[in-house]
Every structure is written in C-alpha cells, then in structure tokens.
Amino acid sequence: MSEKVESTGMDLLKEVANVSGKPGLFRILKPSRAGVIVESLDEKREKTLIGPTARVSVLKDVSIFTDGAEESVALSDVFLKIREIHGEEVTLSVKTSSDKELIEFLAEVLPEFDRTKVYVSDIKKVITWYNLLSKHIPEAFVATEGDAEVAAEPAAEVATEEEVKEAPAKKAAKKEKSKA
C-alpha cells in the first residue's frame, strides 16, 4: 500500500471536520492555545474558534459499520462509491425523503452496511456531508494513484473496545484509523 502523505483527493478529509452541536462541516485551519480555528464550508466561510471541550470528528477518521468481513468501511471509500453512482450531487432530499428511501440509498452504495448500528440520521449526515464536500471542495474527489491503490486493497481493521462501547451512545459510525 502506498504511504504517501499528500493533500490531494480523499486525503483532504483529514482537514475537514464535523463539530458536535454545529451544523455543516468545517475546514481545520490551525490549532491555538484555546482550541482549534476552523472555517465553515459554506458560502460565508466564517472562521470560528472551537474550544477544547467540543467534540470534533475529523472525516478521515469516520467509517461506517458493516456486516461483512470488515467491521467498517472508511467514509472516504463510501464517498468515492457515491461519486461513481450519483455523480457530483445526491439529489435525494434529507428533509423530505422517507426513512425507507434513505436506507435504500445507502444499501445501493454500501450493501453490507450494518442496519442495527447505522441510523437514518447517519445516512442523512453522509448525504449532507457528501453534497457539501462536492460543492465546496470538489478536488477531494479527484482520485490519485494512492487513492486507487487504497480503494483496491481491503483494509483489515478492527474497532477498539472503547469504540464498540461508545457506538450505540454516539449514534454515529465513527472509528479511529489504525493506519495513517
């Protein structure tokens, strides 16, 4: 597997985060003594200081639980699969679509997703995040040779005990990467 550290393609997800309690996504700009300075991924591009107690989830570290041989699939791989199937925008509305339509959407993209651990709210986040990234950081979807190699190789990763315990409480499919 290629271990290149580049800021191209899905590697850009290490600079993008979700902040618990705040809508949308944020680009991580730099750490400070009082927390992290982020910029909103929207038309406003507002810079904000996120305090040290806020729960920040870097998208590169987020994955979706599955029933298959792998316990989870990286969000970046799911985004690339969505790109293959749906193009630049997912037209399914997260506000007006039924739960059944949202579940069918993810089943088309990731048939082996774990229906007991992945909630409809998680599917809505995946669609919302995908559309935000596609609109504001389209270069994140430019596949590089390293991304192609990583996508071709199945990752053998196991969730830690702490992640397994936290999963139901968080209602989010989040997992730390063991390889960087």
Protein backbone atom coordinates (compact mmCIF):
# COMPACT_ATOMS: atom_id res chain seq x y z
CA MET A 1 0.00 0.00 0.00
CA SER A 2 1.21 3.48 -0.79
CA GLU A 3 2.02 5.54 2.31
CA LYS A 4 2.28 8.93 0.53
CA VAL A 5 1.28 11.92 2.61
CA GLU A 6 -0.32 14.26 0.11
CA SER A 7 -3.09 16.77 0.41
CA THR A 8 -4.89 15.54 -2.67
CA GLY A 9 -8.01 13.51 -3.25
CA MET A 10 -9.68 11.90 -0.26
CA ASP A 11 -6.60 12.84 1.80
CA LEU A 12 -8.24 16.26 2.14
CA LEU A 13 -10.69 14.66 4.58
CA LYS A 14 -8.04 14.94 7.31
CA GLU A 15 -8.53 18.73 7.08
CA VAL A 16 -12.35 18.56 7.30
CA ALA A 17 -14.33 18.02 10.48
CA ASN A 18 -17.80 17.87 11.92
CA VAL A 19 -18.30 19.70 15.21
CA SER A 20 -20.90 18.24 17.54
CA GLY A 21 -23.76 20.69 18.03
CA LYS A 22 -22.90 22.80 14.98
CA PRO A 23 -24.45 22.27 11.55
CA GLY A 24 -22.33 21.68 8.47
CA LEU A 25 -18.66 20.89 8.04
CA PHE A 26 -15.54 22.84 8.86
CA ARG A 27 -12.03 23.03 7.40
CA ILE A 28 -9.45 22.80 10.18
CA LEU A 29 -7.11 25.77 9.82
CA LYS A 30 -4.77 25.62 12.81
CA PRO A 31 -4.59 24.75 16.49
CA SER A 32 -4.41 27.52 19.07
CA ARG A 33 -3.97 27.67 22.84
CA ALA A 34 -7.73 27.92 23.32
CA GLY A 35 -8.75 25.18 20.87
CA VAL A 36 -8.82 24.89 17.09
CA ILE A 37 -9.51 27.57 14.48
CA VAL A 38 -11.90 26.32 11.79
CA GLU A 39 -13.58 27.77 8.70
CA SER A 40 -17.13 26.84 7.75
CA LEU A 41 -17.60 25.00 4.45
CA ASP A 42 -20.30 27.22 3.03
CA GLU A 43 -20.66 30.48 1.15
CA LYS A 44 -19.88 32.54 4.28
CA ARG A 45 -16.52 30.89 5.05
CA GLU A 46 -16.74 32.11 8.65
CA LYS A 47 -13.75 31.47 10.88
CA THR A 48 -14.53 30.24 14.38
CA LEU A 49 -12.58 29.13 17.43
CA ILE A 50 -13.73 25.71 18.63
CA GLY A 51 -12.95 25.17 22.30
CA PRO A 52 -11.03 22.18 23.68
CA THR A 53 -14.18 20.58 25.16
CA ALA A 54 -16.07 20.44 21.83
CA ARG A 55 -16.31 17.05 20.16
CA VAL A 56 -14.64 17.36 16.77
CA SER A 57 -14.76 14.41 14.34
CA VAL A 58 -12.23 14.53 11.51
CA LEU A 59 -13.87 12.92 8.45
CA LYS A 60 -10.72 10.94 7.63
CA ASP A 61 -11.30 9.03 10.90
CA VAL A 62 -15.00 8.33 10.32
CA SER A 63 -16.20 4.99 8.99
CA ILE A 64 -19.49 3.14 8.55
CA PHE A 65 -20.17 -0.13 10.33
CA THR A 66 -20.76 -3.18 8.12
CA ASP A 67 -21.95 -6.77 8.49
CA GLY A 68 -19.29 -8.11 6.13
CA ALA A 69 -15.82 -9.49 6.82
CA GLU A 70 -14.67 -5.94 7.55
CA GLU A 71 -16.22 -4.33 10.61
CA SER A 72 -16.35 -0.95 8.92
CA VAL A 73 -15.67 0.91 5.68
CA ALA A 74 -13.93 4.29 5.60
CA LEU A 75 -16.18 7.24 4.84
CA SER A 76 -13.80 8.25 2.04
CA ASP A 77 -14.45 4.92 0.28
CA VAL A 78 -18.20 5.43 0.68
CA PHE A 79 -17.90 8.96 -0.79
CA LEU A 80 -15.99 7.61 -3.81
CA LYS A 81 -18.68 4.96 -4.36
CA ILE A 82 -21.42 7.64 -4.12
CA ARG A 83 -19.48 9.65 -6.73
CA GLU A 84 -19.42 6.63 -9.08
CA ILE A 85 -23.17 6.04 -8.75
CA HIS A 86 -24.66 9.52 -8.25
CA GLY A 87 -22.12 11.94 -9.72
CA GLU A 88 -21.46 15.37 -8.23
CA GLU A 89 -24.67 15.67 -6.21
CA VAL A 90 -27.02 13.37 -4.37
CA THR A 91 -30.47 14.65 -5.30
CA LEU A 92 -32.23 12.67 -2.58
CA SER A 93 -33.57 15.20 -0.05
CA VAL A 94 -32.58 14.53 3.56
CA LYS A 95 -35.62 16.52 4.74
CA THR A 96 -38.42 15.10 2.60
CA SER A 97 -37.25 11.57 1.79
CA SER A 98 -38.70 8.67 3.74
CA ASP A 99 -36.55 6.51 6.01
CA LYS A 100 -37.04 3.67 3.51
CA GLU A 101 -35.66 5.79 0.63
CA LEU A 102 -32.63 6.81 2.69
CA ILE A 103 -31.91 3.21 3.70
CA GLU A 104 -32.27 2.10 0.05
CA PHE A 105 -29.80 4.84 -0.97
CA LEU A 106 -27.11 3.56 1.41
CA ALA A 107 -27.90 -0.08 0.53
CA GLU A 108 -27.20 0.77 -3.13
CA VAL A 109 -23.85 2.37 -2.22
CA LEU A 110 -22.82 0.03 0.60
CA PRO A 111 -24.99 -3.12 0.55
CA GLU A 112 -23.28 -4.65 3.59
CA PHE A 113 -23.86 -1.68 5.95
CA ASP A 114 -24.92 -2.74 9.45
CA ARG A 115 -28.60 -1.84 9.75
CA THR A 116 -28.51 -2.18 13.55
CA LYS A 117 -25.66 0.31 14.08
CA VAL A 118 -26.14 2.79 11.21
CA TYR A 119 -29.13 5.03 11.84
CA VAL A 120 -31.20 7.06 9.38
CA SER A 121 -29.68 10.20 10.97
CA ASP A 122 -26.23 8.86 10.00
CA ILE A 123 -27.36 8.35 6.39
CA LYS A 124 -28.66 11.94 6.32
CA LYS A 125 -25.24 13.16 7.54
CA VAL A 126 -23.44 11.14 4.85
CA ILE A 127 -25.61 12.70 2.11
CA THR A 128 -25.34 16.22 3.55
CA TRP A 129 -21.57 15.94 4.02
CA TYR A 130 -21.11 14.48 0.54
CA ASN A 131 -23.03 17.35 -1.08
CA LEU A 132 -21.12 19.97 0.96
CA LEU A 133 -17.74 18.48 0.05
CA SER A 134 -18.73 18.10 -3.60
CA LYS A 135 -19.80 21.74 -3.77
CA HIS A 136 -17.05 23.40 -1.70
CA ILE A 137 -14.05 21.03 -2.05
CA PRO A 138 -14.59 19.23 -5.38
CA GLU A 139 -10.86 18.47 -5.53
CA ALA A 140 -11.44 15.98 -2.70
CA PHE A 141 -12.95 13.62 -5.29
CA VAL A 142 -10.04 13.68 -7.72
CA ALA A 143 -8.68 10.16 -7.40
CA THR A 144 -4.91 9.92 -7.16
CA GLU A 145 -2.85 6.79 -7.72
CA GLY A 146 -2.51 6.38 -3.95
CA ASP A 147 -6.30 6.59 -3.51
CA ALA A 148 -6.83 3.99 -6.24
CA GLU A 149 -4.37 1.61 -4.56
CA VAL A 150 -6.03 2.09 -1.18
CA ALA A 151 -9.51 1.58 -2.66
CA ALA A 152 -8.35 -1.61 -4.39
CA GLU A 153 -6.92 -3.12 -1.20
CA PRO A 154 -9.36 -4.17 1.53
CA ALA A 155 -8.34 -2.73 4.88
CA ALA A 156 -8.13 -5.21 7.76
CA GLU A 157 -9.09 -3.00 10.69
CA VAL A 158 -10.75 -3.80 13.97
CA ALA A 159 -12.67 -1.41 16.19
CA THR A 160 -11.19 -0.87 19.64
CA GLU A 161 -13.15 -1.88 22.74
CA GLU A 162 -13.82 1.77 23.54
CA GLU A 163 -15.29 2.39 20.08
CA VAL A 164 -17.54 -0.64 20.33
CA LYS A 165 -18.83 0.54 23.73
CA GLU A 166 -19.35 4.14 22.52
CA ALA A 167 -21.03 3.27 19.21
CA PRO A 168 -24.63 2.92 20.46
CA ALA A 169 -24.34 6.04 22.63
CA LYS A 170 -22.89 8.18 19.87
CA LYS A 171 -25.42 7.09 17.25
CA ALA A 172 -22.62 7.61 14.73
CA ALA A 173 -20.38 5.22 12.89
CA LYS A 174 -17.03 6.63 13.99
CA LYS A 175 -13.72 4.84 14.27
CA GLU A 176 -10.09 5.84 14.61
CA LYS A 177 -7.82 4.68 11.83
CA SER A 178 -5.02 2.38 12.90
CA LYS A 179 -3.02 3.23 9.76
CA ALA A 180 -2.33 6.79 8.68
